[in-house]
Protein backbone atom coordinates (compact mmCIF):
# COMPACT_ATOMS: atom_id res chain seq x y z
CA MET A 1 -229.93 -105.80 123.46
CA THR A 2 -230.94 -106.45 119.84
CA THR A 3 -234.00 -104.67 118.52
CA MET A 4 -235.87 -106.00 115.53
CA ALA A 5 -237.36 -103.44 113.19
CA ALA A 6 -241.07 -103.73 112.59
CA PRO A 7 -242.07 -104.58 109.03
CA SER A 8 -242.95 -101.56 106.92
CA ALA A 9 -246.58 -101.00 106.14
CA PHE A 10 -247.70 -101.84 102.61
CA ASP A 11 -250.61 -99.77 101.27
CA THR A 12 -253.30 -102.33 100.38
CA THR A 13 -255.75 -99.51 99.67
CA ALA A 14 -253.40 -98.16 96.98
CA LEU A 15 -253.12 -101.70 95.57
CA ARG A 16 -256.92 -102.04 95.35
CA GLU A 17 -257.41 -98.58 93.86
CA GLY A 18 -254.57 -99.03 91.36
CA ILE A 19 -255.93 -102.36 90.16
CA GLU A 20 -259.60 -101.41 90.05
CA ARG A 21 -258.95 -98.00 88.44
CA SER A 22 -256.45 -99.47 85.95
CA ASP A 23 -253.84 -97.00 87.19
CA ALA A 24 -250.45 -98.37 86.11
CA ASP A 25 -248.54 -95.42 87.62
CA ALA A 26 -250.16 -95.90 91.02
CA LEU A 27 -249.33 -99.61 90.92
CA LEU A 28 -245.74 -98.95 89.84
CA SER A 29 -245.27 -96.73 92.90
CA LEU A 30 -245.76 -99.86 95.04
CA TYR A 31 -242.56 -101.46 93.63
CA ALA A 32 -238.99 -100.90 94.80
CA ASP A 33 -236.48 -99.64 92.22
CA ASP A 34 -234.74 -103.04 92.15
CA ALA A 35 -237.92 -105.16 92.15
CA GLU A 36 -238.17 -108.40 90.21
CA LEU A 37 -241.44 -109.82 88.91
CA ARG A 38 -241.87 -113.33 87.48
CA MET A 39 -244.97 -114.21 85.45
CA VAL A 40 -245.98 -117.84 84.90
CA ASP A 41 -248.74 -118.87 82.50
CA ARG A 42 -249.38 -121.25 79.63
CA LYS A 43 -246.76 -119.56 77.42
CA THR A 44 -244.16 -118.75 80.07
CA GLN A 45 -244.15 -121.92 82.09
CA PRO A 46 -242.43 -122.44 85.46
CA SER A 47 -239.12 -123.57 83.97
CA HIS A 48 -238.94 -120.43 81.78
CA PRO A 49 -241.07 -117.66 83.36
CA LEU A 50 -241.23 -114.15 82.01
CA VAL A 51 -238.92 -112.18 84.32
CA MET A 52 -238.98 -108.40 84.59
CA HIS A 53 -236.20 -106.58 86.42
CA GLY A 54 -236.60 -103.10 87.85
CA ARG A 55 -239.26 -100.45 87.63
CA ASP A 56 -238.71 -99.71 83.92
CA GLU A 57 -239.53 -103.25 82.79
CA ILE A 58 -242.29 -103.70 85.35
CA GLY A 59 -243.74 -100.30 84.44
CA ALA A 60 -243.84 -101.17 80.74
CA MET A 61 -245.76 -104.37 81.51
CA LEU A 62 -248.18 -102.55 83.85
CA SER A 63 -248.80 -99.81 81.26
CA ASP A 64 -249.57 -102.43 78.61
CA LEU A 65 -251.80 -104.51 80.88
CA TYR A 66 -253.78 -101.70 82.48
CA GLY A 67 -254.03 -99.81 79.18
CA ARG A 68 -256.15 -102.60 77.70
CA GLU A 69 -259.92 -102.39 77.48
CA MET A 70 -260.83 -104.69 80.36
CA THR A 71 -261.98 -104.61 83.95
CA HIS A 72 -259.80 -105.52 86.93
CA LYS A 73 -260.91 -106.44 90.43
CA LEU A 74 -258.84 -107.20 93.53
CA GLU A 75 -260.58 -110.30 94.89
CA GLN A 76 -258.44 -111.01 97.95
CA VAL A 77 -255.39 -109.58 99.65
CA VAL A 78 -253.40 -110.95 102.58
CA LEU A 79 -250.62 -108.97 104.22
CA GLN A 80 -248.47 -110.52 106.92
CA GLY A 81 -245.30 -108.75 107.93
CA ASP A 82 -243.15 -108.35 104.83
CA HIS A 83 -245.18 -110.84 102.78
CA LEU A 84 -248.11 -110.08 100.49
CA ALA A 85 -250.51 -112.32 98.58
CA PHE A 86 -253.34 -111.17 96.37
CA MET A 87 -255.75 -112.45 93.73
CA GLU A 88 -256.98 -110.36 90.83
CA SER A 89 -259.75 -111.17 88.37
CA CYS A 90 -259.98 -109.52 84.97
CA GLN A 91 -262.49 -109.57 82.13
CA TYR A 92 -262.24 -108.44 78.52
CA PRO A 93 -265.32 -106.91 76.83
CA ASP A 94 -265.88 -110.19 74.89
CA GLY A 95 -266.27 -112.05 78.20
CA VAL A 96 -262.83 -113.73 78.30
CA ARG A 97 -261.67 -113.91 81.91
CA VAL A 98 -258.22 -113.97 83.45
CA LEU A 99 -257.34 -114.90 87.03
CA VAL A 100 -253.99 -113.86 88.52
CA SER A 101 -252.60 -115.04 91.84
CA SER A 102 -249.53 -113.24 93.19
CA ILE A 103 -247.22 -113.60 96.14
CA ALA A 104 -244.58 -111.03 97.00
CA ASP A 105 -241.87 -110.07 99.45
CA LEU A 106 -241.74 -106.51 100.71
CA ARG A 107 -238.98 -104.18 101.81
CA ASP A 108 -239.67 -100.75 103.28
CA GLY A 109 -243.33 -101.11 102.32
CA ARG A 110 -242.66 -101.82 98.64
CA ILE A 111 -242.67 -104.96 96.52
CA VAL A 112 -239.16 -106.31 95.88
CA ASP A 113 -239.86 -109.85 94.64
CA GLN A 114 -243.14 -111.05 93.12
CA THR A 115 -244.29 -114.22 91.42
CA SER A 116 -247.62 -114.19 89.60
CA ILE A 117 -249.45 -117.11 88.04
CA GLN A 118 -252.17 -116.33 85.53
CA ALA A 119 -254.81 -118.47 83.87
CA TRP A 120 -256.90 -117.42 80.89
CA ASP A 121 -260.17 -118.80 79.58
CA GLU A 122 -259.21 -121.33 76.91
CA THR A 123 -262.48 -121.31 75.00
CA GLU A 124 -264.91 -118.69 73.81
CA PRO A 125 -267.28 -117.68 76.62
CA ALA A 126 -270.93 -118.72 76.33
CA LYS A 127 -273.09 -115.97 74.88
């Protein structure tokens, strides 16, 4: 008889707290050592996304991003088995907003493969 292992639990509370507290170290703990993260935006378009391999590269990006003066909010999160999707909204002090939508595969409760698409305000916000 073949037994299928249940998917590992991913900590969505840690995801929310890491994002909303701008805690890059807490967020990095949610990634597997061999994780890969692809970022698509206006500059790094789908045919040539920014690709980060492993916790060192991902950690450097998270430290830069969450070290900026801005707010972050986890808008939505969906967890189904070993698949995760979440949407994050961000705002700089000058009012410029960023929206990031991510989808990821999980292994042993950690992110192993993630693709994120981000969109930035193109014009100055109304004052």
